[in-house]
Amino acid sequence: MNSDISQQLQQQVQHAFERKAALSIFAGNSKAFYGRSDARAASAEILDVSGHRGVLNYEPTELVITARAGTPLREIEKLLEENGQMLPFEPPAFSDNATIGGTIACNLSGPRRAYTGAARDFLLGCKIINGKGEILSFGGEVMKNVAGYDVSRLMAGAMGTLGILLEVSLKVLPVAEMESTQLFQCTAAEALDRMHAWSQTPLPLSASSYHDSTLRVRLSGATEAVKAAVDTISGETVTAAEQYWQQLREQRLDFFTEEKPLWRISLASDTVSLGLPADYNEDNCLYEWGGALRWLKSDAPAETIQYAVAELDGHATLFRHDGDNNVFQPLTPGLMRIHQNLKQAFDPENILNPGKLYPEL
């Protein structure tokens, strides 16, 4: 049945390639808000991959799972949970309809990312349909299986502009034996100092956040290691902390409810100020990943925020917005050429999610 679906998808792409017709890749639609809205994409044909689902291979002892891209994320997480395992990058879903393909295509990771790795880091291999309708396979189901550049990881974060994901193979990890969340009242500068200092120690950190003068740090690992870490950093132990981290992961905290554009800013973890006007500054920020990720609520022009962040050698993405197409940090001419060359190699007629990342792509 699923082989028939993959053939149908391949035929649709081949037909679109012959006609140079744009395709808009669709599955769970849980992340439709993310990325640019391109005029060409508005009239594109829908390529629905949601029916291409199912776990193909899962061996708990091997710590690897392979699934079709349309498989609901919640099904994969449930299967892993039953075996005491998890997706280490703790991906946000934003909807019960979220799929594993969309998760990898957007390269989205949750609170654990800074301490275990990003979605891209756990992608072992994938099968795709490129813009010419060819089915290609990259990587495999082991960490080291080929020499040279790992092409499969290009698909993480490409948002479907280089190929339609058909299958993905991911490394998984065991669930921690114990977790504890410690809470501290402090200033932003103090929080950054603490998070930065702790990140350089062997403490079993697995998440951190700071907002409204409150620093939360999650410790995960063997019971004795977590207990020792709690004794080391002290703080107030939070009960029922799992709900907080889940709400942070899915952006359900009160911080995210305000109707303002939401920026996702990556920069050096010890950066204290973003260098923006006061009314766009720290009170509108929530810190994650030891300070390396800042969520910023701001009505400031995109160019203002992106320029300020670029001056700090950072990267700013307009994560949730209403119609603004200056979504991703502008690329340098050299990086843009690399992106264009990749696009030409994988999708020469620019039919896959055109303009989703940049207008030139």
Protein backbone atom coordinates (compact mmCIF):
# COMPACT_ATOMS: atom_id res chain seq x y z
CA MET A 1 0.00 0.00 0.00
CA ASN A 2 2.70 2.51 1.01
CA SER A 3 4.82 1.51 -2.00
CA ASP A 4 1.84 2.53 -4.13
CA ILE A 5 1.71 5.88 -2.33
CA SER A 6 5.42 6.50 -2.87
CA GLN A 7 5.00 5.70 -6.57
CA GLN A 8 2.06 8.10 -6.78
CA LEU A 9 4.12 10.82 -5.11
CA GLN A 10 7.01 10.14 -7.49
CA GLN A 11 4.73 10.33 -10.51
CA GLN A 12 3.22 13.59 -9.32
CA VAL A 13 6.68 15.12 -8.92
CA GLN A 14 7.80 13.84 -12.33
CA HIS A 15 4.69 15.33 -13.93
CA ALA A 16 5.28 18.66 -12.17
CA PHE A 17 8.93 18.65 -13.26
CA GLU A 18 7.92 18.19 -16.89
CA ARG A 19 5.48 21.11 -16.62
CA LYS A 20 7.72 23.23 -14.33
CA ALA A 21 4.77 23.44 -11.96
CA ALA A 22 5.32 24.38 -8.30
CA LEU A 23 4.47 21.88 -5.58
CA SER A 24 3.52 22.67 -1.99
CA ILE A 25 4.44 19.76 0.30
CA PHE A 26 1.76 18.97 2.85
CA ALA A 27 1.44 16.42 5.67
CA GLY A 28 0.15 17.23 9.17
CA ASN A 29 0.18 20.99 8.52
CA SER A 30 1.24 21.57 12.14
CA LYS A 31 4.02 23.96 11.12
CA ALA A 32 2.31 25.78 8.25
CA PHE A 33 2.98 29.05 10.11
CA TYR A 34 6.74 28.60 9.75
CA GLY A 35 8.68 30.01 6.80
CA ARG A 36 7.95 32.44 3.99
CA SER A 37 4.80 32.77 1.91
CA ASP A 38 5.81 32.94 -1.74
CA ALA A 39 3.52 34.18 -4.52
CA ARG A 40 4.39 31.17 -6.67
CA ALA A 41 3.68 28.78 -3.82
CA ALA A 42 0.23 30.30 -3.32
CA SER A 43 -0.93 28.73 -6.59
CA ALA A 44 1.13 25.54 -6.23
CA GLU A 45 -0.30 22.04 -6.43
CA ILE A 46 -0.58 20.22 -3.11
CA LEU A 47 1.68 17.21 -2.66
CA ASP A 48 0.10 15.34 0.26
CA VAL A 49 2.50 12.91 1.95
CA SER A 50 0.38 12.30 5.06
CA GLY A 51 -0.73 8.87 3.81
CA HIS A 52 2.84 7.62 3.53
CA ARG A 53 3.17 6.43 7.13
CA GLY A 54 4.28 3.60 9.32
CA VAL A 55 7.33 2.45 11.30
CA LEU A 56 9.56 0.35 9.04
CA ASN A 57 12.17 -0.83 11.50
CA TYR A 58 12.71 -0.41 15.22
CA GLU A 59 15.21 -2.35 17.24
CA PRO A 60 15.33 -0.97 20.81
CA THR A 61 18.65 -2.66 21.47
CA GLU A 62 20.15 -0.91 18.44
CA LEU A 63 18.79 2.54 19.45
CA VAL A 64 17.58 3.22 15.89
CA ILE A 65 14.12 3.76 14.42
CA THR A 66 13.20 4.05 10.73
CA ALA A 67 9.80 5.41 9.75
CA ARG A 68 7.97 6.80 6.76
CA ALA A 69 7.83 10.58 6.76
CA GLY A 70 4.06 10.80 7.16
CA THR A 71 4.10 8.84 10.43
CA PRO A 72 2.55 10.92 13.24
CA LEU A 73 5.17 12.12 15.71
CA ARG A 74 2.98 11.08 18.65
CA GLU A 75 2.93 7.45 17.40
CA ILE A 76 6.71 7.34 17.29
CA GLU A 77 7.05 8.91 20.73
CA LYS A 78 4.49 6.48 22.18
CA LEU A 79 6.34 3.49 20.74
CA LEU A 80 9.63 4.74 22.12
CA GLU A 81 8.12 5.49 25.52
CA GLU A 82 6.82 1.91 25.77
CA ASN A 83 10.43 0.79 25.40
CA GLY A 84 11.90 3.33 27.81
CA GLN A 85 13.41 5.43 25.01
CA MET A 86 12.94 8.87 23.47
CA LEU A 87 13.86 11.20 20.63
CA PRO A 88 16.84 12.96 22.27
CA PHE A 89 16.23 16.34 20.62
CA GLU A 90 12.78 16.59 22.28
CA PRO A 91 10.96 17.96 19.20
CA PRO A 92 7.97 20.29 19.54
CA ALA A 93 4.81 19.11 17.79
CA PHE A 94 2.50 22.17 17.95
CA SER A 95 -0.35 19.83 16.96
CA ASP A 96 -1.51 16.23 17.25
CA ASN A 97 -1.14 16.12 13.45
CA ALA A 98 2.63 16.63 13.52
CA THR A 99 4.62 14.10 11.48
CA ILE A 100 8.20 12.92 11.79
CA GLY A 101 8.90 14.15 8.24
CA GLY A 102 7.78 17.69 9.03
CA THR A 103 9.77 17.63 12.26
CA ILE A 104 12.97 16.76 10.41
CA ALA A 105 12.25 19.06 7.45
CA CYS A 106 12.00 22.01 9.86
CA ASN A 107 14.91 20.78 12.04
CA LEU A 108 13.01 21.82 15.16
CA SER A 109 14.32 20.79 18.58
CA GLY A 110 13.08 21.38 22.11
CA PRO A 111 14.61 22.24 25.52
CA ARG A 112 17.06 19.31 25.45
CA ARG A 113 18.75 20.40 22.21
CA ALA A 114 21.66 22.35 23.72
CA TYR A 115 22.71 19.40 25.87
CA THR A 116 22.16 16.39 23.61
CA GLY A 117 22.08 17.75 20.04
CA ALA A 118 19.69 18.96 17.36
CA ALA A 119 17.30 16.96 15.19
CA ARG A 120 19.93 17.06 12.43
CA ASP A 121 22.50 15.40 14.70
CA PHE A 122 20.31 12.32 15.16
CA LEU A 123 19.35 11.87 11.51
CA LEU A 124 21.23 8.79 10.32
CA GLY A 125 19.74 8.43 6.86
CA CYS A 126 16.79 9.26 4.66
CA LYS A 127 15.05 8.47 1.40
CA ILE A 128 13.74 11.37 -0.69
CA ILE A 129 12.19 12.30 -4.01
CA ASN A 130 14.18 15.10 -5.59
CA GLY A 131 12.82 17.84 -7.85
CA LYS A 132 13.21 15.65 -10.94
CA GLY A 133 11.11 12.85 -9.49
CA GLU A 134 14.07 10.58 -8.72
CA ILE A 135 14.07 8.50 -5.53
CA LEU A 136 17.40 8.84 -3.74
CA SER A 137 18.71 7.30 -0.52
CA PHE A 138 21.41 8.76 1.74
CA GLY A 139 23.04 7.50 4.91
CA GLY A 140 21.71 4.43 6.67
CA GLU A 141 20.94 3.10 10.13
CA VAL A 142 24.33 3.38 11.80
CA MET A 143 26.31 6.40 12.96
CA LYS A 144 29.28 5.82 10.63
CA ASN A 145 28.45 4.17 7.34
CA VAL A 146 29.91 6.41 4.62
CA ALA A 147 32.91 8.63 4.06
CA GLY A 148 32.54 12.25 3.02
CA TYR A 149 29.69 14.70 3.56
CA ASP A 150 26.49 13.33 5.10
CA VAL A 151 23.96 14.48 2.48
CA SER A 152 20.99 13.27 4.53
CA ARG A 153 21.57 16.04 7.03
CA LEU A 154 21.04 18.63 4.31
CA MET A 155 17.38 17.67 4.43
CA ALA A 156 17.08 18.70 8.09
CA GLY A 157 16.03 22.34 7.96
CA ALA A 158 15.65 22.48 4.17
CA MET A 159 11.86 22.61 4.64
CA GLY A 160 11.23 20.47 1.60
CA THR A 161 13.06 22.75 -0.81
CA LEU A 162 15.65 20.09 -1.70
CA GLY A 163 13.47 16.99 -1.69
CA ILE A 164 10.35 15.30 -0.35
CA LEU A 165 11.20 13.11 2.59
CA LEU A 166 9.89 9.56 2.20
CA GLU A 167 11.71 7.80 5.05
CA VAL A 168 13.97 8.84 7.92
CA SER A 169 16.24 6.83 10.21
CA LEU A 170 16.92 8.35 13.63
CA LYS A 171 19.12 7.51 16.57
CA VAL A 172 17.19 7.32 19.85
CA LEU A 173 18.32 7.25 23.48
CA PRO A 174 17.11 5.72 26.76
CA VAL A 175 14.90 7.83 29.02
CA ALA A 176 16.82 9.20 32.01
CA GLU A 177 16.58 7.26 35.25
CA MET A 178 15.84 10.44 37.19
CA GLU A 179 15.10 14.12 36.51
CA SER A 180 14.99 17.12 38.81
CA THR A 181 14.27 20.77 38.05
CA GLN A 182 15.85 23.45 40.23
CA LEU A 183 14.53 27.01 40.43
CA PHE A 184 16.43 30.23 41.20
CA GLN A 185 15.39 33.88 41.49
CA CYS A 186 17.98 36.11 39.83
CA THR A 187 18.68 38.76 37.19
CA ALA A 188 19.25 37.93 33.54
CA ALA A 189 22.98 38.59 33.87
CA GLU A 190 23.21 36.31 36.91
CA ALA A 191 21.24 33.61 35.10
CA LEU A 192 23.58 33.77 32.11
CA ASP A 193 26.65 33.60 34.38
CA ARG A 194 25.28 30.54 36.17
CA MET A 195 24.19 28.71 33.01
CA HIS A 196 27.48 29.46 31.30
CA ALA A 197 29.51 28.26 34.28
CA TRP A 198 27.44 25.08 34.73
CA SER A 199 27.74 24.21 31.03
CA GLN A 200 31.50 23.89 31.50
CA THR A 201 31.12 21.28 34.24
CA PRO A 202 30.12 17.58 34.12
CA LEU A 203 26.68 18.37 35.58
CA PRO A 204 23.92 16.30 33.85
CA LEU A 205 22.09 19.33 32.43
CA SER A 206 19.21 18.62 30.05
CA ALA A 207 17.28 21.92 29.87
CA SER A 208 17.36 25.51 31.07
CA SER A 209 15.10 28.55 30.80
CA TYR A 210 14.99 32.08 32.13
CA HIS A 211 12.14 34.57 32.17
CA ASP A 212 10.56 37.03 34.59
CA SER A 213 13.51 36.83 37.02
CA THR A 214 13.18 33.04 37.28
CA LEU A 215 15.85 30.57 36.19
CA ARG A 216 14.90 26.90 35.82
CA VAL A 217 17.47 24.18 35.26
CA ARG A 218 16.65 20.54 34.57
CA LEU A 219 19.04 17.75 35.49
CA SER A 220 18.67 14.28 33.91
CA GLY A 221 20.60 11.06 34.29
CA ALA A 222 21.41 8.31 36.74
CA THR A 223 19.76 8.77 40.13
CA GLU A 224 22.99 9.25 42.09
CA ALA A 225 24.38 11.67 39.51
CA VAL A 226 21.25 13.83 39.58
CA LYS A 227 21.14 13.86 43.38
CA ALA A 228 24.78 14.90 43.51
CA ALA A 229 24.14 17.65 40.95
CA VAL A 230 21.20 18.97 42.99
CA ASP A 231 23.48 19.18 46.04
CA THR A 232 26.05 21.04 43.94
CA ILE A 233 23.84 23.75 42.43
CA SER A 234 21.18 23.83 45.22
CA GLY A 235 18.12 25.94 44.38
CA GLU A 236 14.46 25.12 45.01
CA THR A 237 13.35 21.71 43.71
CA VAL A 238 10.24 22.10 41.54
CA THR A 239 7.47 19.52 41.82
CA ALA A 240 5.55 18.46 38.68
CA ALA A 241 8.20 20.17 36.54
CA GLU A 242 7.52 17.95 33.55
CA GLN A 243 4.41 19.99 32.72
CA TYR A 244 6.45 23.19 32.58
CA TRP A 245 9.00 21.78 30.13
CA GLN A 246 6.22 20.33 27.99
CA GLN A 247 4.47 23.71 27.85
CA LEU A 248 7.74 25.43 27.00
CA ARG A 249 8.44 22.87 24.28
CA GLU A 250 4.98 23.37 22.72
CA GLN A 251 4.93 27.18 23.31
CA ARG A 252 1.90 27.04 25.58
CA LEU A 253 3.33 29.16 28.38
CA ASP A 254 1.75 32.57 29.01
CA PHE A 255 4.83 34.17 27.46
CA PHE A 256 3.84 32.85 24.03
CA THR A 257 0.16 33.86 24.12
CA GLU A 258 0.61 37.57 23.36
CA GLU A 259 -0.31 38.52 19.81
CA LYS A 260 3.08 39.87 18.78
CA PRO A 261 5.58 38.61 16.21
CA LEU A 262 7.78 35.96 17.81
CA TRP A 263 11.49 35.87 16.98
CA ARG A 264 13.81 32.90 17.45
CA ILE A 265 17.33 34.24 18.03
CA SER A 266 20.49 32.14 18.19
CA LEU A 267 23.68 33.74 19.45
CA ALA A 268 26.58 33.30 21.86
CA SER A 269 25.20 32.01 25.16
CA ASP A 270 26.92 34.67 27.28
CA THR A 271 25.51 37.64 25.30
CA VAL A 272 23.75 39.87 27.84
CA SER A 273 21.95 42.41 25.64
CA LEU A 274 20.59 42.21 22.09
CA GLY A 275 21.34 45.88 21.55
CA LEU A 276 17.73 46.74 20.71
CA PRO A 277 15.62 49.68 21.98
CA ALA A 278 14.45 49.22 25.58
CA ASP A 279 10.84 48.45 24.70
CA TYR A 280 12.01 45.50 22.59
CA ASN A 281 14.49 44.18 25.13
CA GLU A 282 14.82 41.76 28.04
CA ASP A 283 11.29 41.89 29.47
CA ASN A 284 10.05 40.50 26.16
CA CYS A 285 12.65 37.73 26.10
CA LEU A 286 12.61 34.12 27.22
CA TYR A 287 15.97 32.37 27.33
CA GLU A 288 16.63 28.71 26.55
CA TRP A 289 19.61 26.47 25.82
CA GLY A 290 21.85 28.09 28.41
CA GLY A 291 21.24 31.50 26.84
CA ALA A 292 22.09 30.45 23.28
CA LEU A 293 18.43 30.67 22.24
CA ARG A 294 16.28 33.76 22.90
CA TRP A 295 12.58 33.97 22.15
CA LEU A 296 11.78 37.64 21.56
CA LYS A 297 8.33 39.22 21.22
CA SER A 298 8.65 42.42 19.21
CA ASP A 299 6.90 44.66 16.70
CA ALA A 300 10.25 46.09 15.60
CA PRO A 301 10.98 45.95 11.86
CA ALA A 302 12.59 42.71 10.74
CA GLU A 303 15.58 44.57 9.35
CA THR A 304 16.22 46.21 12.74
CA ILE A 305 16.26 42.93 14.64
CA GLN A 306 18.21 40.99 12.02
CA TYR A 307 20.84 43.73 11.74
CA ALA A 308 21.27 43.96 15.53
CA VAL A 309 21.61 40.18 15.86
CA ALA A 310 24.02 39.99 12.92
CA GLU A 311 26.23 42.53 14.69
CA LEU A 312 26.47 39.98 17.51
CA ASP A 313 27.36 37.19 15.05
CA GLY A 314 23.94 35.70 15.69
CA HIS A 315 20.99 34.56 13.62
CA ALA A 316 17.37 35.79 13.88
CA THR A 317 14.32 33.98 12.48
CA LEU A 318 10.80 35.39 12.50
CA PHE A 319 9.20 32.25 13.90
CA ARG A 320 5.56 33.29 14.13
CA HIS A 321 4.30 36.26 12.19
CA ASP A 322 1.42 37.74 10.24
CA GLY A 323 2.40 38.29 6.64
CA ASP A 324 5.99 39.52 7.02
CA ASN A 325 8.26 37.69 4.58
CA ASN A 326 11.61 38.78 6.02
CA VAL A 327 11.59 35.52 7.95
CA PHE A 328 15.15 34.19 7.83
CA GLN A 329 18.42 35.99 8.47
CA PRO A 330 19.78 37.30 5.13
CA LEU A 331 22.60 35.16 3.74
CA THR A 332 25.98 36.46 2.68
CA PRO A 333 26.64 36.29 -1.09
CA GLY A 334 28.91 33.28 -0.58
CA LEU A 335 26.36 31.32 1.44
CA MET A 336 23.61 32.22 -1.02
CA ARG A 337 25.67 30.79 -3.89
CA ILE A 338 26.10 27.54 -1.97
CA HIS A 339 22.34 27.35 -1.35
CA GLN A 340 21.58 28.10 -4.99
CA ASN A 341 24.02 25.42 -6.16
CA LEU A 342 22.40 22.87 -3.86
CA LYS A 343 18.96 23.90 -5.07
CA GLN A 344 20.08 23.52 -8.68
CA ALA A 345 21.45 20.04 -7.98
CA PHE A 346 18.39 18.72 -6.15
CA ASP A 347 15.57 20.78 -7.68
CA PRO A 348 16.71 22.36 -10.99
CA GLU A 349 13.26 23.69 -11.95
CA ASN A 350 12.59 25.12 -8.46
CA ILE A 351 9.27 23.31 -8.06
CA LEU A 352 9.59 22.13 -4.43
CA ASN A 353 8.21 24.60 -1.87
CA PRO A 354 9.52 27.57 -3.90
CA GLY A 355 10.41 30.62 -1.81
CA LYS A 356 9.77 28.86 1.50
CA LEU A 357 13.26 29.75 2.77
CA TYR A 358 14.38 32.65 0.55
CA PRO A 359 12.86 34.26 -2.56
CA GLU A 360 15.92 33.20 -4.60
CA LEU A 361 15.26 29.56 -3.71
